[in-house]
Amino acid sequence: MKKLQIKKHALTAISYMLPLVVASGLLIAIGNLTNGQVIENYKAPYSVPDALVSLGVLGMGLLAPVIAGAIAYSIADRPGIAPGLLMGLIANSIGAGFLGGMLGGYLVGYFVLILVKYLKVPKWAQGLMPMMIIPLISSLVIGLLMYFVVGVPIVWATEAMTSFLQGMQGSMRFVFGAVLGAMAAFDFGGPVNKVASLFADGLLLEGVKEPEAVKILASMVPPFGVTLSWVISKLIKKRKYTKSEEDNIKIAFPMGICMITEGVIPIAAVDPIRVIISCTLGAAVGGGLSMTWGIGSPVPSGGMFIVPAMNEPILFCLALLIGTCVTAAMLLILKREPTKEEELIADQAIEEEEVDLSGIKIS
């Protein structure tokens, strides 16, 4: 039996969705910074900032249809696009949001595959299969399922999760931020990071902006923390990194400014346990503080360039600094001076990882 490849389809959909999320978020941020408001009456006069905010909000409203359509397309190719988009619109209309769109995309995508494989029609109707019959039947069956069966628990779960996160206080907020931050930094842009990113992006669609700030912060803590530990080690004359690692840190830091965590991978490959522990702990502390202080980001990606769009940019920078310092301190404590043999092994590991990084993507 062919594997469902649920994760593969989700990652494909995210790659289609991210440009829309980033563009819409930045439009809202630019509009808000210039005192724009959502246009409620298009017959009344409105300004350029109002138009930017409104365009961004319209773009955000497309996220559930886009991710549902992209998942269905990834599963069933072109026959899945139209019914997938419709499932996303249903998710929006009933309040199931991001999660409902994803579920609708999966359901209709696999249902389309079943129809393509098992539905038999007369020869004269075969030409109508991809254009009319499959989109109609799949939209009808899964659409009714979304409206009357699947959508109800999704709406309840979405509302419950949103209310829970908005109602968290004190230590609960810190713990949540710490767990999300640790996940975002743990594997430097790998599957665990993608889960945290997907979770934060979904909450952003429900109007909960704090997890997005945690994700952004935690993605920058590893490269910033490693860089700071290297600078301090130079100042105190305690060698902690090989020459190859030092060269790679000089690349990882500017990548970190752009929220690209993967620049740390070659360094972690040489000393995975110490680097992962240090980066995860620093991101957890920074993420916990960010969540506790109520820092929110309307934009899901962009690194330091979108900090001015946050509601508390100064506090965000402070939380980022604290998380960076924790990571740097842990690295200075845990890492020891490399031996000549380790230097040779490190050089080989760096060369291998540099090849792997040729297809780098923003976290």
Protein backbone atom coordinates (compact mmCIF):
# COMPACT_ATOMS: atom_id res chain seq x y z
CA MET A 1 0.00 0.00 0.00
CA LYS A 2 1.30 3.44 -0.93
CA LYS A 3 2.19 5.62 2.04
CA LEU A 4 -0.07 8.60 2.75
CA GLN A 5 2.94 10.96 3.01
CA ILE A 6 0.96 13.39 5.16
CA LYS A 7 4.07 15.30 6.23
CA LYS A 8 5.29 15.67 2.63
CA HIS A 9 1.97 17.13 1.50
CA ALA A 10 1.91 19.55 4.45
CA LEU A 11 5.42 20.82 3.71
CA THR A 12 4.54 21.25 0.04
CA ALA A 13 1.49 23.29 1.00
CA ILE A 14 3.52 25.42 3.40
CA SER A 15 5.95 26.26 0.61
CA TYR A 16 3.01 27.57 -1.45
CA MET A 17 1.47 29.38 1.51
CA LEU A 18 4.53 31.15 2.94
CA PRO A 19 4.91 33.81 0.20
CA LEU A 20 1.28 34.78 0.71
CA VAL A 21 1.68 34.88 4.49
CA VAL A 22 4.84 36.98 4.33
CA ALA A 23 3.49 39.41 1.71
CA SER A 24 0.16 39.83 3.52
CA GLY A 25 1.83 40.23 6.91
CA LEU A 26 4.25 42.84 5.64
CA LEU A 27 1.44 44.78 3.96
CA ILE A 28 -0.45 44.86 7.25
CA ALA A 29 2.70 45.85 9.15
CA ILE A 30 3.56 48.68 6.74
CA GLY A 31 -0.02 49.90 6.78
CA ASN A 32 -0.19 49.80 10.59
CA LEU A 33 3.10 51.68 10.92
CA THR A 34 1.62 54.45 8.75
CA ASN A 35 -1.67 54.57 10.71
CA GLY A 36 -3.70 52.58 8.23
CA GLN A 37 -7.05 50.98 9.07
CA VAL A 38 -9.08 48.20 7.46
CA ILE A 39 -11.43 49.66 4.87
CA GLU A 40 -15.02 48.92 5.88
CA ASN A 41 -16.80 51.11 3.34
CA TYR A 42 -15.20 51.22 -0.10
CA LYS A 43 -17.55 54.00 -1.21
CA ALA A 44 -16.05 56.34 1.40
CA PRO A 45 -12.61 57.97 0.93
CA TYR A 46 -9.62 55.91 2.06
CA SER A 47 -5.83 56.39 2.13
CA VAL A 48 -2.87 54.40 0.79
CA PRO A 49 -2.08 52.99 4.30
CA ASP A 50 -5.73 51.90 4.58
CA ALA A 51 -5.40 50.12 1.23
CA LEU A 52 -2.22 48.33 2.36
CA VAL A 53 -3.78 47.08 5.59
CA SER A 54 -6.94 45.98 3.77
CA LEU A 55 -4.96 44.17 1.07
CA GLY A 56 -2.96 42.35 3.73
CA VAL A 57 -6.13 41.33 5.57
CA LEU A 58 -7.64 40.06 2.31
CA GLY A 59 -4.46 38.06 1.72
CA MET A 60 -4.65 36.53 5.18
CA GLY A 61 -8.20 35.49 4.40
CA LEU A 62 -6.89 33.41 1.50
CA LEU A 63 -4.59 31.29 3.66
CA ALA A 64 -7.06 28.53 4.50
CA PRO A 65 -8.16 28.12 0.84
CA VAL A 66 -4.54 28.24 -0.37
CA ILE A 67 -3.26 25.62 2.05
CA ALA A 68 -6.30 23.38 1.45
CA GLY A 69 -5.90 23.70 -2.31
CA ALA A 70 -2.14 23.15 -2.13
CA ILE A 71 -2.51 20.01 0.00
CA ALA A 72 -5.17 18.62 -2.34
CA TYR A 73 -2.95 19.46 -5.33
CA SER A 74 0.05 17.76 -3.71
CA ILE A 75 -2.05 14.63 -3.16
CA ALA A 76 -4.16 14.43 -6.31
CA ASP A 77 -2.50 16.82 -8.78
CA ARG A 78 -4.68 19.24 -10.78
CA PRO A 79 -8.07 17.52 -10.13
CA GLY A 80 -7.60 18.36 -6.44
CA ILE A 81 -7.12 22.13 -6.81
CA ALA A 82 -10.73 23.32 -7.25
CA PRO A 83 -12.31 21.12 -4.54
CA GLY A 84 -9.37 21.90 -2.26
CA LEU A 85 -9.93 25.65 -2.59
CA LEU A 86 -13.63 25.13 -1.85
CA MET A 87 -12.81 23.18 1.31
CA GLY A 88 -10.64 26.08 2.45
CA LEU A 89 -13.49 28.51 1.85
CA ILE A 90 -15.79 26.28 3.90
CA ALA A 91 -13.20 26.23 6.70
CA ASN A 92 -13.17 30.04 6.66
CA SER A 93 -16.95 30.35 6.61
CA ILE A 94 -17.62 28.00 9.54
CA GLY A 95 -14.72 29.36 11.62
CA ALA A 96 -12.51 26.26 11.37
CA GLY A 97 -9.65 28.41 10.08
CA PHE A 98 -6.19 27.05 9.32
CA LEU A 99 -6.69 23.60 10.88
CA GLY A 100 -9.99 23.12 9.10
CA GLY A 101 -8.40 24.08 5.80
CA MET A 102 -5.63 21.54 6.27
CA LEU A 103 -8.04 18.77 7.20
CA GLY A 104 -10.34 19.63 4.29
CA GLY A 105 -7.38 19.55 1.92
CA TYR A 106 -6.36 16.09 3.07
CA LEU A 107 -9.89 14.69 2.94
CA VAL A 108 -10.73 15.99 -0.51
CA GLY A 109 -7.28 15.17 -1.90
CA TYR A 110 -7.46 11.50 -0.94
CA PHE A 111 -11.12 11.32 -1.98
CA VAL A 112 -10.18 12.60 -5.44
CA LEU A 113 -7.52 9.87 -5.67
CA ILE A 114 -10.18 7.27 -4.86
CA LEU A 115 -12.51 8.67 -7.51
CA VAL A 116 -9.78 8.70 -10.14
CA LYS A 117 -8.90 5.09 -9.39
CA TYR A 118 -12.32 3.49 -8.89
CA LEU A 119 -14.99 5.67 -10.55
CA LYS A 120 -16.00 4.22 -13.91
CA VAL A 121 -18.03 6.22 -16.44
CA PRO A 122 -19.19 5.59 -20.02
CA LYS A 123 -16.65 6.29 -22.72
CA TRP A 124 -18.48 9.42 -23.86
CA ALA A 125 -18.19 10.92 -20.35
CA GLN A 126 -14.49 10.23 -19.79
CA GLY A 127 -13.50 13.63 -21.13
CA LEU A 128 -15.70 15.24 -18.47
CA MET A 129 -14.00 13.42 -15.59
CA PRO A 130 -11.20 15.90 -14.72
CA MET A 131 -13.17 19.03 -15.62
CA MET A 132 -16.63 18.36 -14.17
CA ILE A 133 -17.38 14.95 -12.69
CA ILE A 134 -14.47 14.59 -10.22
CA PRO A 135 -14.52 18.22 -8.98
CA LEU A 136 -18.31 18.14 -8.58
CA ILE A 137 -18.58 14.82 -6.75
CA SER A 138 -15.58 15.46 -4.49
CA SER A 139 -16.75 18.98 -3.62
CA LEU A 140 -20.27 17.75 -2.94
CA VAL A 141 -19.33 14.80 -0.73
CA ILE A 142 -16.43 16.32 1.24
CA GLY A 143 -18.10 19.75 1.33
CA LEU A 144 -21.19 18.36 3.08
CA LEU A 145 -18.89 16.36 5.36
CA MET A 146 -17.03 19.56 6.28
CA TYR A 147 -20.24 21.50 6.92
CA PHE A 148 -22.11 18.93 9.01
CA VAL A 149 -19.59 16.45 10.46
CA VAL A 150 -15.89 17.31 10.41
CA GLY A 151 -16.15 21.07 10.81
CA VAL A 152 -17.96 21.04 14.16
CA PRO A 153 -15.16 19.52 16.30
CA ILE A 154 -12.51 21.52 14.40
CA VAL A 155 -14.32 24.78 15.18
CA TRP A 156 -14.65 23.76 18.81
CA ALA A 157 -10.97 22.78 19.06
CA THR A 158 -9.82 25.99 17.35
CA GLU A 159 -11.92 28.21 19.60
CA ALA A 160 -10.87 26.30 22.72
CA MET A 161 -7.17 26.51 21.85
CA THR A 162 -7.38 30.21 21.01
CA SER A 163 -9.26 31.00 24.24
CA PHE A 164 -6.79 28.94 26.27
CA LEU A 165 -3.76 30.72 24.81
CA GLN A 166 -5.31 34.16 25.20
CA GLY A 167 -6.28 33.39 28.78
CA MET A 168 -2.89 32.07 29.92
CA GLN A 169 -1.22 34.01 32.69
CA GLY A 170 2.16 34.11 34.44
CA SER A 171 4.08 30.86 34.57
CA MET A 172 1.79 29.11 32.08
CA ARG A 173 2.67 31.68 29.43
CA PHE A 174 6.38 31.24 30.13
CA VAL A 175 6.17 27.44 29.91
CA PHE A 176 4.25 27.58 26.64
CA GLY A 177 6.71 30.06 25.13
CA ALA A 178 9.65 28.00 26.37
CA VAL A 179 8.35 24.78 24.82
CA LEU A 180 7.55 26.45 21.50
CA GLY A 181 10.93 28.23 21.47
CA ALA A 182 12.79 25.01 22.25
CA MET A 183 10.99 23.22 19.41
CA ALA A 184 11.78 26.02 16.95
CA ALA A 185 15.51 25.87 17.74
CA PHE A 186 15.99 22.16 18.43
CA ASP A 187 16.85 20.88 14.95
CA PHE A 188 17.83 24.14 13.18
CA GLY A 189 15.06 24.30 10.60
CA GLY A 190 14.30 20.57 10.55
CA PRO A 191 10.99 18.72 11.08
CA VAL A 192 10.56 19.78 14.74
CA ASN A 193 11.12 23.40 13.74
CA LYS A 194 8.55 23.02 10.96
CA VAL A 195 5.95 21.68 13.42
CA ALA A 196 6.47 24.70 15.71
CA SER A 197 6.36 27.03 12.71
CA LEU A 198 3.15 25.51 11.39
CA PHE A 199 1.54 25.77 14.83
CA ALA A 200 2.52 29.43 15.19
CA ASP A 201 1.35 30.28 11.67
CA GLY A 202 -2.02 28.64 12.36
CA LEU A 203 -2.50 30.67 15.53
CA LEU A 204 -1.62 33.86 13.67
CA LEU A 205 -4.61 33.25 11.40
CA GLU A 206 -6.78 33.14 14.52
CA GLY A 207 -5.44 36.49 15.69
CA VAL A 208 -2.97 35.11 18.26
CA LYS A 209 0.34 36.84 17.42
CA GLU A 210 2.55 35.96 20.40
CA PRO A 211 3.62 32.46 19.21
CA GLU A 212 4.80 33.98 15.93
CA ALA A 213 7.19 36.28 17.82
CA VAL A 214 8.47 33.27 19.79
CA LYS A 215 9.14 31.39 16.56
CA ILE A 216 11.05 34.31 15.05
CA LEU A 217 13.11 34.82 18.20
CA ALA A 218 13.94 31.14 18.61
CA SER A 219 15.05 30.89 14.99
CA MET A 220 17.60 33.66 15.53
CA VAL A 221 18.94 32.62 18.96
CA PRO A 222 21.16 29.73 17.70
CA PRO A 223 23.23 31.73 15.16
CA PHE A 224 23.39 34.77 17.46
CA GLY A 225 24.33 32.67 20.51
CA VAL A 226 27.03 30.75 18.69
CA THR A 227 28.46 34.00 17.31
CA LEU A 228 28.48 35.67 20.74
CA SER A 229 30.21 32.67 22.34
CA TRP A 230 32.89 32.80 19.64
CA VAL A 231 33.45 36.54 20.16
CA ILE A 232 33.70 36.10 23.95
CA SER A 233 36.06 33.14 23.57
CA LYS A 234 38.34 35.37 21.50
CA LEU A 235 38.20 38.13 24.12
CA ILE A 236 39.03 35.82 27.04
CA LYS A 237 41.54 33.86 24.90
CA LYS A 238 39.82 30.50 25.47
CA ARG A 239 39.66 28.67 22.16
CA LYS A 240 36.34 26.88 21.68
CA TYR A 241 36.03 26.48 17.92
CA THR A 242 38.14 25.08 15.10
CA LYS A 243 39.24 27.30 12.23
CA SER A 244 36.58 25.80 9.97
CA GLU A 245 33.88 26.42 12.58
CA GLU A 246 35.01 30.01 12.97
CA ASP A 247 34.76 30.55 9.22
CA ASN A 248 31.27 29.09 9.25
CA ILE A 249 30.16 31.30 12.18
CA LYS A 250 30.98 34.34 10.06
CA ILE A 251 28.41 33.05 7.58
CA ALA A 252 25.86 31.87 10.15
CA PHE A 253 25.53 35.29 11.81
CA PRO A 254 24.24 37.25 8.79
CA MET A 255 22.01 34.28 7.97
CA GLY A 256 20.62 34.55 11.51
CA ILE A 257 19.74 38.22 10.95
CA CYS A 258 17.48 37.00 8.14
CA MET A 259 16.03 34.26 10.43
CA ILE A 260 17.86 31.44 8.63
CA THR A 261 18.74 28.99 11.41
CA GLU A 262 20.36 26.42 9.14
CA GLY A 263 23.70 28.22 9.20
CA VAL A 264 24.34 26.59 12.59
CA ILE A 265 24.02 23.05 11.21
CA PRO A 266 27.73 22.63 10.27
CA ILE A 267 28.74 23.67 13.79
CA ALA A 268 26.17 21.37 15.39
CA ALA A 269 27.36 18.49 13.20
CA VAL A 270 30.79 18.67 14.84
CA ASP A 271 29.54 18.80 18.45
CA PRO A 272 25.80 18.02 18.32
CA ILE A 273 24.99 17.39 21.99
CA ARG A 274 26.58 20.54 23.42
CA VAL A 275 25.40 22.81 20.61
CA ILE A 276 21.82 21.49 20.58
CA ILE A 277 21.51 21.71 24.38
CA SER A 278 22.88 25.26 24.45
CA CYS A 279 20.77 26.55 21.56
CA THR A 280 17.59 24.85 22.74
CA LEU A 281 17.96 26.19 26.29
CA GLY A 282 18.67 29.74 25.09
CA ALA A 283 15.68 29.68 22.72
CA ALA A 284 13.47 28.29 25.48
CA VAL A 285 14.41 31.10 27.88
CA GLY A 286 14.00 33.77 25.20
CA GLY A 287 10.71 32.26 23.99
CA GLY A 288 9.34 32.06 27.53
CA LEU A 289 10.16 35.71 28.18
CA SER A 290 8.69 36.78 24.84
CA MET A 291 5.42 35.00 25.59
CA THR A 292 5.30 36.29 29.17
CA TRP A 293 5.82 39.89 28.04
CA GLY A 294 3.05 39.59 25.45
CA ILE A 295 5.23 40.29 22.41
CA GLY A 296 3.34 39.70 19.18
CA SER A 297 4.34 39.69 15.53
CA PRO A 298 1.87 40.23 12.66
CA VAL A 299 4.46 38.85 10.21
CA PRO A 300 5.60 35.19 10.29
CA SER A 301 9.07 35.62 8.80
CA GLY A 302 11.75 38.18 8.07
CA GLY A 303 14.08 38.17 11.07
CA MET A 304 15.35 41.50 12.36
CA PHE A 305 13.84 43.34 9.41
CA ILE A 306 10.26 42.93 10.70
CA VAL A 307 10.97 43.75 14.37
CA PRO A 308 9.62 47.33 13.94
CA ALA A 309 6.25 45.81 13.01
CA MET A 310 5.96 44.02 16.37
CA ASN A 311 3.88 45.49 19.19
CA GLU A 312 6.86 45.52 21.59
CA PRO A 313 10.04 45.75 19.47
CA ILE A 314 12.28 46.82 22.38
CA LEU A 315 11.11 43.97 24.61
CA PHE A 316 11.56 41.57 21.71
CA CYS A 317 15.18 42.68 21.30
CA LEU A 318 15.69 42.29 25.07
CA ALA A 319 14.26 38.74 25.05
CA LEU A 320 16.41 37.91 22.02
CA LEU A 321 19.48 39.28 23.78
CA ILE A 322 18.80 37.25 26.94
CA GLY A 323 18.23 34.05 24.95
CA THR A 324 21.41 34.73 22.97
CA CYS A 325 23.42 35.28 26.15
CA VAL A 326 22.09 32.05 27.69
CA THR A 327 23.14 30.08 24.60
CA ALA A 328 26.56 31.76 24.53
CA ALA A 329 27.13 31.11 28.25
CA MET A 330 26.16 27.45 27.90
CA LEU A 331 28.50 26.99 24.95
CA LEU A 332 31.39 28.63 26.81
CA ILE A 333 30.76 26.34 29.79
CA LEU A 334 30.14 23.09 27.91
CA LYS A 335 32.53 23.32 24.95
CA ARG A 336 36.21 22.58 25.44
CA GLU A 337 39.24 23.48 23.39
CA PRO A 338 39.40 21.29 20.27
CA THR A 339 42.32 18.91 19.81
CA LYS A 340 44.26 18.61 16.55
CA GLU A 341 42.43 15.39 15.72
CA GLU A 342 39.06 17.04 16.35
CA GLU A 343 40.16 19.96 14.18
CA LEU A 344 40.73 17.58 11.26
CA ILE A 345 37.39 15.82 11.81
CA ALA A 346 35.64 19.20 12.10
CA ASP A 347 37.10 20.36 8.79
CA GLN A 348 35.76 17.25 7.07
CA ALA A 349 32.31 17.61 8.68
CA ILE A 350 32.11 21.27 7.69
CA GLU A 351 32.90 20.44 4.08
CA GLU A 352 30.16 17.80 3.98
CA GLU A 353 27.57 20.10 5.56
CA GLU A 354 28.43 22.98 3.24
CA VAL A 355 27.43 20.75 0.35
CA ASP A 356 24.12 19.93 2.08
CA LEU A 357 23.40 23.62 2.69
CA SER A 358 23.31 24.41 -1.04
CA GLY A 359 19.50 24.17 -0.98
CA ILE A 360 18.99 26.27 2.14
CA LYS A 361 15.50 27.67 2.84
CA ILE A 362 14.25 30.32 5.27
CA SER A 363 12.81 28.79 8.46
